[in-house]
N, C-alpha and C. Protein backbone atom coordinates (compact mmCIF):
# COMPACT_ATOMS: atom_id res chain seq x y z
N UNK A 1 -149.95 56.63 -62.44
CA UNK A 1 -150.24 57.38 -61.32
C UNK A 1 -149.07 57.46 -60.20
N UNK A 2 -148.88 58.50 -59.59
CA UNK A 2 -147.53 58.61 -58.84
C UNK A 2 -148.00 58.05 -57.42
N UNK A 3 -149.01 58.01 -57.08
CA UNK A 3 -149.63 57.53 -55.55
C UNK A 3 -148.88 56.06 -55.39
N UNK A 4 -148.56 55.82 -54.36
CA UNK A 4 -148.26 54.39 -54.02
C UNK A 4 -149.07 53.82 -53.05
N UNK A 5 -149.42 52.57 -53.02
CA UNK A 5 -150.22 51.91 -51.97
C UNK A 5 -149.51 51.75 -50.99
N UNK A 6 -149.98 51.37 -49.62
CA UNK A 6 -149.09 51.22 -48.48
C UNK A 6 -148.41 49.80 -48.98
N UNK A 7 -147.17 49.59 -48.35
CA UNK A 7 -146.29 48.40 -48.58
C UNK A 7 -145.49 48.43 -49.86
N UNK A 8 -145.69 49.41 -50.94
CA UNK A 8 -145.06 49.47 -52.02
C UNK A 8 -143.56 50.23 -51.72
N UNK A 9 -142.64 50.00 -52.50
CA UNK A 9 -141.39 50.78 -52.21
C UNK A 9 -140.40 50.11 -51.44
N UNK A 10 -139.33 50.84 -51.04
CA UNK A 10 -138.32 50.29 -50.34
C UNK A 10 -138.55 50.54 -48.85
N UNK A 11 -138.46 49.48 -47.92
CA UNK A 11 -138.63 49.86 -46.48
C UNK A 11 -137.21 50.29 -46.01
N UNK A 12 -136.12 50.20 -46.64
CA UNK A 12 -134.85 50.55 -46.28
C UNK A 12 -134.75 51.90 -45.89
N UNK A 13 -135.38 52.83 -46.68
CA UNK A 13 -135.29 54.27 -46.36
C UNK A 13 -136.13 54.75 -45.12
N UNK A 14 -137.48 54.00 -45.01
CA UNK A 14 -138.16 54.18 -43.82
C UNK A 14 -137.77 53.94 -42.52
N UNK A 15 -137.30 52.61 -42.51
CA UNK A 15 -136.74 51.93 -41.10
C UNK A 15 -135.20 52.01 -41.10
N UNK A 16 -134.66 52.24 -39.92
CA UNK A 16 -133.20 52.20 -39.88
C UNK A 16 -132.94 50.74 -39.99
N UNK A 17 -131.67 50.55 -40.26
CA UNK A 17 -131.24 49.04 -40.21
C UNK A 17 -130.95 48.56 -38.86
N UNK A 18 -130.66 47.31 -38.82
CA UNK A 18 -130.36 46.87 -37.48
C UNK A 18 -129.02 47.25 -36.96
N UNK A 19 -128.22 47.36 -37.61
CA UNK A 19 -126.80 47.94 -37.47
C UNK A 19 -126.90 49.42 -37.03
N UNK A 20 -127.70 50.33 -37.87
CA UNK A 20 -127.88 51.70 -37.29
C UNK A 20 -128.53 51.94 -36.00
N UNK A 21 -129.56 51.00 -35.81
CA UNK A 21 -130.21 50.98 -34.42
C UNK A 21 -129.35 50.74 -33.30
N UNK A 22 -128.62 49.62 -33.59
CA UNK A 22 -127.73 49.32 -32.57
C UNK A 22 -126.60 50.23 -32.37
N UNK A 23 -126.00 50.91 -33.44
CA UNK A 23 -125.10 52.03 -33.41
C UNK A 23 -125.62 53.20 -32.69
N UNK A 24 -126.85 53.54 -32.86
CA UNK A 24 -127.43 54.69 -32.31
C UNK A 24 -127.45 54.41 -30.61
N UNK A 25 -127.95 53.24 -30.34
CA UNK A 25 -128.13 53.11 -28.97
C UNK A 25 -126.81 52.93 -28.17
N UNK A 26 -125.79 52.48 -28.98
CA UNK A 26 -124.47 52.17 -28.35
C UNK A 26 -123.78 53.65 -28.29
N UNK A 27 -124.34 54.59 -29.18
CA UNK A 27 -123.71 55.88 -29.21
C UNK A 27 -124.20 56.68 -27.98
N UNK A 28 -125.44 56.51 -27.78
CA UNK A 28 -126.01 57.10 -26.40
C UNK A 28 -125.21 56.54 -25.18
N UNK A 29 -125.13 55.05 -25.28
CA UNK A 29 -124.54 54.40 -24.29
C UNK A 29 -122.94 55.10 -24.28
N UNK A 30 -122.28 55.44 -25.29
CA UNK A 30 -121.14 55.87 -25.35
C UNK A 30 -120.90 57.23 -24.72
N UNK A 31 -122.15 58.14 -25.12
CA UNK A 31 -122.16 59.22 -24.36
C UNK A 31 -122.21 59.36 -22.79
N UNK A 32 -122.83 58.20 -22.19
CA UNK A 32 -122.91 57.76 -20.69
C UNK A 32 -121.59 57.28 -20.26
N UNK A 33 -120.99 56.42 -21.22
CA UNK A 33 -119.67 55.88 -20.85
C UNK A 33 -118.61 57.14 -20.67
N UNK A 34 -118.52 57.99 -21.75
CA UNK A 34 -117.62 58.90 -21.61
C UNK A 34 -117.90 60.02 -20.59
N UNK A 35 -119.11 60.39 -20.19
CA UNK A 35 -119.28 61.27 -18.93
C UNK A 35 -118.88 60.47 -17.69
N UNK A 36 -118.98 59.12 -17.61
CA UNK A 36 -118.48 58.52 -16.31
C UNK A 36 -117.12 58.13 -16.42
N UNK A 37 -116.62 58.12 -17.44
CA UNK A 37 -115.18 57.66 -17.48
C UNK A 37 -114.39 59.09 -17.21
N UNK A 38 -115.16 60.12 -17.96
CA UNK A 38 -114.28 61.54 -17.68
C UNK A 38 -114.37 61.85 -16.18
N UNK A 39 -115.54 61.64 -15.47
CA UNK A 39 -115.58 61.95 -14.06
C UNK A 39 -114.62 61.07 -13.30
N UNK A 40 -114.45 59.81 -13.50
CA UNK A 40 -113.59 58.96 -12.91
C UNK A 40 -112.17 59.20 -13.20
N UNK A 41 -111.82 59.40 -14.33
CA UNK A 41 -110.74 59.84 -14.72
C UNK A 41 -110.11 61.28 -13.84
N UNK A 42 -111.19 62.27 -13.94
CA UNK A 42 -110.93 63.43 -13.36
C UNK A 42 -110.49 63.23 -11.71
N UNK A 43 -111.26 62.23 -11.21
CA UNK A 43 -111.06 61.92 -9.68
C UNK A 43 -109.69 61.11 -9.49
N UNK A 44 -109.61 60.42 -10.59
CA UNK A 44 -108.18 59.58 -10.50
C UNK A 44 -107.11 60.63 -10.50
N UNK A 45 -107.17 61.57 -11.30
CA UNK A 45 -106.25 62.76 -11.36
C UNK A 45 -105.98 63.49 -10.03
N UNK A 46 -107.03 63.66 -9.50
CA UNK A 46 -106.96 64.36 -8.12
C UNK A 46 -106.35 63.64 -7.19
N UNK A 47 -106.72 62.32 -7.33
CA UNK A 47 -105.90 61.30 -6.35
C UNK A 47 -104.57 61.30 -6.44
N UNK A 48 -103.96 61.42 -7.71
CA UNK A 48 -102.56 61.36 -8.27
C UNK A 48 -101.90 62.71 -7.70
N UNK A 49 -102.61 63.80 -7.64
CA UNK A 49 -102.01 65.20 -7.45
C UNK A 49 -102.01 65.24 -5.91
N UNK A 50 -102.97 64.62 -5.30
CA UNK A 50 -103.14 64.90 -3.72
C UNK A 50 -102.22 64.08 -2.96
N UNK A 51 -102.29 62.94 -3.36
CA UNK A 51 -101.52 61.62 -2.55
C UNK A 51 -100.93 60.91 -3.49
N UNK A 52 -99.60 60.99 -3.61
CA UNK A 52 -98.84 60.00 -4.48
C UNK A 52 -98.78 58.74 -4.03
N UNK A 53 -99.05 58.21 -2.77
CA UNK A 53 -98.99 56.80 -2.50
C UNK A 53 -100.12 56.02 -2.77
N UNK A 54 -101.13 56.55 -3.37
CA UNK A 54 -102.21 55.66 -3.95
C UNK A 54 -101.71 54.72 -4.87
N UNK A 55 -100.96 55.23 -5.76
CA UNK A 55 -100.40 54.40 -7.03
C UNK A 55 -99.10 53.62 -6.72
N UNK A 56 -99.14 52.58 -7.50
CA UNK A 56 -97.74 51.71 -7.33
C UNK A 56 -96.68 52.23 -8.36
N UNK A 57 -95.48 52.27 -7.80
CA UNK A 57 -94.47 52.80 -8.58
C UNK A 57 -93.83 51.52 -9.03
N UNK A 58 -93.76 51.36 -10.36
CA UNK A 58 -93.05 50.18 -10.88
C UNK A 58 -91.62 50.39 -11.54
N UNK A 59 -91.41 49.77 -12.68
CA UNK A 59 -90.13 49.92 -13.28
C UNK A 59 -90.13 51.31 -14.07
N UNK A 60 -89.17 51.85 -14.02
CA UNK A 60 -88.97 53.07 -14.79
C UNK A 60 -88.97 52.95 -16.36
N UNK A 61 -89.78 53.73 -16.89
CA UNK A 61 -89.91 53.67 -18.35
C UNK A 61 -89.50 54.95 -19.10
N UNK A 62 -89.24 54.81 -20.15
CA UNK A 62 -88.78 56.07 -20.97
C UNK A 62 -89.65 57.40 -20.93
N UNK A 63 -90.99 57.15 -21.03
CA UNK A 63 -92.01 58.07 -20.94
C UNK A 63 -92.45 58.44 -19.54
N UNK A 64 -91.49 57.97 -18.38
CA UNK A 64 -92.13 58.14 -17.00
C UNK A 64 -92.19 59.83 -16.76
N UNK A 65 -93.42 59.91 -16.28
CA UNK A 65 -93.52 61.33 -15.76
C UNK A 65 -93.70 61.25 -14.12
N UNK A 66 -93.64 62.47 -13.56
CA UNK A 66 -94.07 62.54 -11.98
C UNK A 66 -95.58 62.31 -11.87
N UNK A 67 -95.97 61.50 -10.86
CA UNK A 67 -97.33 61.23 -10.42
C UNK A 67 -98.30 62.56 -10.54
N UNK A 68 -97.55 63.58 -10.20
CA UNK A 68 -98.19 64.95 -10.24
C UNK A 68 -98.44 65.32 -11.48
N UNK A 69 -97.51 65.11 -12.42
CA UNK A 69 -97.90 65.45 -13.74
C UNK A 69 -98.91 64.80 -14.67
N UNK A 70 -98.85 63.31 -14.23
CA UNK A 70 -99.70 62.59 -14.53
C UNK A 70 -101.25 62.72 -14.06
N UNK A 71 -101.34 63.18 -12.82
CA UNK A 71 -102.54 63.58 -12.14
C UNK A 71 -103.12 64.70 -12.83
N UNK A 72 -102.32 65.68 -13.24
CA UNK A 72 -102.88 67.08 -13.99
C UNK A 72 -103.29 66.50 -15.48
N UNK A 73 -102.56 65.63 -16.12
CA UNK A 73 -103.08 65.18 -17.26
C UNK A 73 -104.34 64.38 -17.40
N UNK A 74 -104.58 63.69 -16.26
CA UNK A 74 -105.81 63.03 -15.89
C UNK A 74 -107.03 64.04 -15.71
N UNK A 75 -106.52 64.93 -14.88
CA UNK A 75 -107.62 65.91 -14.56
C UNK A 75 -108.07 66.66 -15.66
N UNK A 76 -107.16 67.10 -16.69
CA UNK A 76 -107.58 67.90 -17.68
C UNK A 76 -108.29 67.04 -18.95
N UNK A 77 -107.68 65.63 -18.99
CA UNK A 77 -108.43 64.60 -19.94
C UNK A 77 -109.62 64.40 -19.36
N UNK A 78 -109.82 63.98 -18.19
CA UNK A 78 -111.19 63.64 -17.59
C UNK A 78 -112.13 64.67 -18.04
N UNK A 79 -111.89 66.03 -17.69
CA UNK A 79 -112.85 67.07 -17.80
C UNK A 79 -113.14 67.26 -19.29
N UNK A 80 -112.26 66.87 -20.23
CA UNK A 80 -112.43 67.19 -21.60
C UNK A 80 -113.42 65.88 -22.05
N UNK A 81 -113.16 64.87 -21.44
CA UNK A 81 -113.75 63.50 -21.81
C UNK A 81 -115.31 63.73 -21.43
N UNK A 82 -115.58 64.24 -20.28
CA UNK A 82 -116.81 64.55 -19.79
C UNK A 82 -117.57 65.56 -20.49
N UNK A 83 -116.99 66.59 -20.92
CA UNK A 83 -117.65 67.54 -21.62
C UNK A 83 -117.95 67.08 -23.10
N UNK A 84 -117.19 66.48 -23.73
CA UNK A 84 -117.31 65.91 -25.23
C UNK A 84 -118.57 64.77 -24.92
N UNK A 85 -118.50 63.94 -23.91
CA UNK A 85 -119.39 63.01 -23.77
C UNK A 85 -120.78 63.62 -23.44
N UNK A 86 -120.88 64.92 -22.97
CA UNK A 86 -122.23 65.54 -22.73
C UNK A 86 -122.78 66.10 -24.07
N UNK A 87 -121.66 66.57 -24.76
CA UNK A 87 -122.08 67.14 -26.21
C UNK A 87 -122.54 66.26 -27.05
N UNK A 88 -122.19 64.88 -26.79
CA UNK A 88 -122.40 63.69 -27.71
C UNK A 88 -123.93 63.47 -27.78
N UNK A 89 -124.66 63.85 -26.63
CA UNK A 89 -126.08 63.50 -26.66
C UNK A 89 -126.79 64.30 -27.73
N UNK A 90 -126.18 65.45 -28.24
CA UNK A 90 -126.87 66.21 -29.24
C UNK A 90 -126.90 65.53 -30.69
N UNK A 91 -125.88 64.38 -30.80
CA UNK A 91 -125.65 63.95 -32.04
C UNK A 91 -125.15 64.68 -33.09
N UNK A 92 -124.65 65.85 -32.68
CA UNK A 92 -123.94 66.76 -33.72
C UNK A 92 -122.57 66.27 -34.35
N UNK A 93 -122.47 66.69 -35.69
CA UNK A 93 -121.29 65.96 -36.28
C UNK A 93 -119.92 66.48 -35.60
N UNK A 94 -119.99 67.70 -35.06
CA UNK A 94 -118.72 68.21 -34.49
C UNK A 94 -118.46 67.44 -33.05
N UNK A 95 -119.67 67.04 -32.41
CA UNK A 95 -119.45 66.21 -31.13
C UNK A 95 -118.99 64.91 -31.32
N UNK A 96 -119.49 64.36 -32.58
CA UNK A 96 -118.99 62.88 -32.82
C UNK A 96 -117.57 62.89 -33.13
N UNK A 97 -117.18 63.86 -34.12
CA UNK A 97 -115.66 63.89 -34.25
C UNK A 97 -114.75 64.13 -33.12
N UNK A 98 -115.33 65.12 -32.27
CA UNK A 98 -114.56 65.45 -31.10
C UNK A 98 -114.40 64.09 -30.24
N UNK A 99 -115.63 63.54 -30.17
CA UNK A 99 -115.57 62.27 -29.19
C UNK A 99 -114.47 61.22 -29.93
N UNK A 100 -114.46 61.02 -31.18
CA UNK A 100 -113.34 60.11 -31.67
C UNK A 100 -111.99 60.55 -31.27
N UNK A 101 -111.79 62.08 -31.30
CA UNK A 101 -110.57 62.48 -31.21
C UNK A 101 -110.06 62.33 -29.61
N UNK A 102 -111.07 62.74 -28.83
CA UNK A 102 -110.92 62.52 -27.39
C UNK A 102 -110.57 61.20 -26.92
N UNK A 103 -111.49 60.30 -27.42
CA UNK A 103 -111.39 58.93 -27.06
C UNK A 103 -109.87 58.32 -27.53
N UNK A 104 -109.48 58.62 -28.61
CA UNK A 104 -108.09 58.17 -29.26
C UNK A 104 -107.00 58.90 -28.27
N UNK A 105 -107.28 60.24 -27.95
CA UNK A 105 -106.13 60.72 -27.00
C UNK A 105 -106.09 60.09 -25.62
N UNK A 106 -107.32 59.71 -25.23
CA UNK A 106 -107.49 58.88 -23.86
C UNK A 106 -107.00 57.55 -24.08
N UNK A 107 -106.94 56.93 -25.16
CA UNK A 107 -106.47 55.55 -25.36
C UNK A 107 -104.87 55.57 -25.32
N UNK A 108 -104.20 56.82 -26.06
CA UNK A 108 -102.77 56.94 -25.77
C UNK A 108 -102.46 57.24 -24.19
N UNK A 109 -103.20 58.18 -23.48
CA UNK A 109 -102.97 58.46 -22.14
C UNK A 109 -102.92 57.15 -21.27
N UNK A 110 -104.04 56.36 -21.53
CA UNK A 110 -104.11 55.29 -20.76
C UNK A 110 -103.23 54.24 -20.93
N UNK A 111 -102.65 53.94 -22.12
CA UNK A 111 -101.69 53.18 -22.59
C UNK A 111 -100.48 53.57 -21.80
N UNK A 112 -100.06 54.72 -21.87
CA UNK A 112 -98.88 55.31 -21.09
C UNK A 112 -99.07 55.32 -19.56
N UNK A 113 -100.24 55.05 -19.14
CA UNK A 113 -100.53 55.00 -17.63
C UNK A 113 -100.52 53.78 -17.05
N UNK A 114 -100.39 52.75 -18.00
CA UNK A 114 -100.42 51.24 -17.70
C UNK A 114 -99.43 50.94 -16.54
N UNK A 115 -98.20 51.37 -16.51
CA UNK A 115 -97.47 50.86 -15.31
C UNK A 115 -97.93 51.31 -14.04
N UNK A 116 -98.92 52.37 -14.04
CA UNK A 116 -99.04 52.77 -12.66
C UNK A 116 -100.54 52.24 -12.15
N UNK A 117 -101.52 52.07 -13.10
CA UNK A 117 -102.78 51.50 -12.87
C UNK A 117 -103.19 50.53 -13.97
N UNK A 118 -102.73 49.38 -13.96
CA UNK A 118 -102.88 48.58 -15.35
C UNK A 118 -104.34 48.02 -15.59
N UNK A 119 -104.96 47.72 -14.60
CA UNK A 119 -106.53 47.31 -14.57
C UNK A 119 -107.17 48.27 -14.95
N UNK A 120 -107.28 49.44 -14.45
CA UNK A 120 -108.02 50.55 -14.91
C UNK A 120 -107.84 51.09 -16.28
N UNK A 121 -106.56 50.83 -16.68
CA UNK A 121 -106.08 51.47 -17.97
C UNK A 121 -106.67 50.47 -18.97
N UNK A 122 -106.49 49.46 -18.77
CA UNK A 122 -107.02 48.36 -19.83
C UNK A 122 -108.53 48.50 -20.13
N UNK A 123 -109.27 48.73 -18.88
CA UNK A 123 -110.81 48.94 -18.94
C UNK A 123 -111.03 50.15 -19.76
N UNK A 124 -110.35 51.18 -19.62
CA UNK A 124 -110.46 52.58 -20.12
C UNK A 124 -110.39 52.47 -21.61
N UNK A 125 -109.27 51.73 -21.87
CA UNK A 125 -108.85 51.48 -23.46
C UNK A 125 -109.96 50.71 -24.20
N UNK A 126 -110.42 49.73 -23.41
CA UNK A 126 -111.46 48.90 -24.08
C UNK A 126 -112.85 49.85 -24.21
N UNK A 127 -113.13 50.68 -23.27
CA UNK A 127 -114.29 51.46 -23.35
C UNK A 127 -114.06 52.43 -24.30
N UNK A 128 -112.92 53.06 -24.55
CA UNK A 128 -112.67 53.99 -25.55
C UNK A 128 -112.71 53.37 -26.93
N UNK A 129 -112.27 52.27 -27.09
CA UNK A 129 -112.45 51.57 -28.59
C UNK A 129 -114.03 51.26 -28.76
N UNK A 130 -114.75 50.87 -27.75
CA UNK A 130 -116.22 51.05 -27.94
C UNK A 130 -116.88 52.23 -28.38
N UNK A 131 -116.37 53.44 -27.72
CA UNK A 131 -116.88 54.55 -28.04
C UNK A 131 -116.61 55.08 -29.47
N UNK A 132 -115.43 54.84 -29.80
CA UNK A 132 -114.89 55.12 -31.33
C UNK A 132 -115.65 54.32 -32.27
N UNK A 133 -115.98 52.95 -31.95
CA UNK A 133 -116.79 52.26 -32.98
C UNK A 133 -118.25 52.83 -33.10
N UNK A 134 -118.88 52.83 -31.97
CA UNK A 134 -120.17 53.44 -31.77
C UNK A 134 -120.47 54.77 -32.45
N UNK A 135 -119.49 55.57 -32.25
CA UNK A 135 -119.59 57.08 -32.87
C UNK A 135 -119.21 57.06 -34.25
N UNK A 136 -118.37 56.25 -34.71
CA UNK A 136 -118.03 56.44 -36.23
C UNK A 136 -119.00 55.46 -36.96
N UNK A 137 -119.95 54.69 -36.37
CA UNK A 137 -120.72 53.81 -37.12
C UNK A 137 -122.20 54.39 -37.16
N UNK A 138 -122.43 55.26 -36.18
CA UNK A 138 -123.71 56.08 -36.04
C UNK A 138 -123.91 57.08 -36.96
N UNK A 139 -125.05 57.16 -37.61
CA UNK A 139 -125.52 57.93 -38.61
C UNK A 139 -126.81 58.60 -38.18
N UNK A 140 -126.83 59.66 -37.39
CA UNK A 140 -128.19 60.13 -36.78
C UNK A 140 -129.10 60.55 -37.97
N UNK A 141 -128.85 60.65 -38.93
CA UNK A 141 -129.88 61.12 -39.94
C UNK A 141 -130.74 59.89 -40.50
N UNK A 142 -130.16 58.62 -40.22
CA UNK A 142 -130.71 57.44 -40.90
C UNK A 142 -131.78 57.10 -39.70
N UNK A 143 -131.48 57.46 -38.35
CA UNK A 143 -132.38 56.87 -37.30
C UNK A 143 -133.61 57.55 -37.40
């Protein structure tokens, strides 16, 4: 007979693993984190464009940009991060791939932003690493 009684078979296919459950929850948290980080990064960019005295000017680096240029970079990047974070709520594959790419770009931009605002840059880099881990580990079809 092909009918199985309750309790037979593998429960792995019926219930998500603990890792997948944690990754799914963290991915939804990553979406919230991305929207929040995008908004704050957008505001940080506005502050850099509007009033250059907000940020500390340190040692000159090879990749030094004018603060207005950095402000525009953060405005565009912040809007992009927030939009991708909102799309991540759908769980679509393209949104997950875009989230990984945008988080990687955000890591690079905040690494270069370290001389101007080190505390915030390190926090954003750490949050972007969490976003990349959560999104790359999450498999919405298994949840």
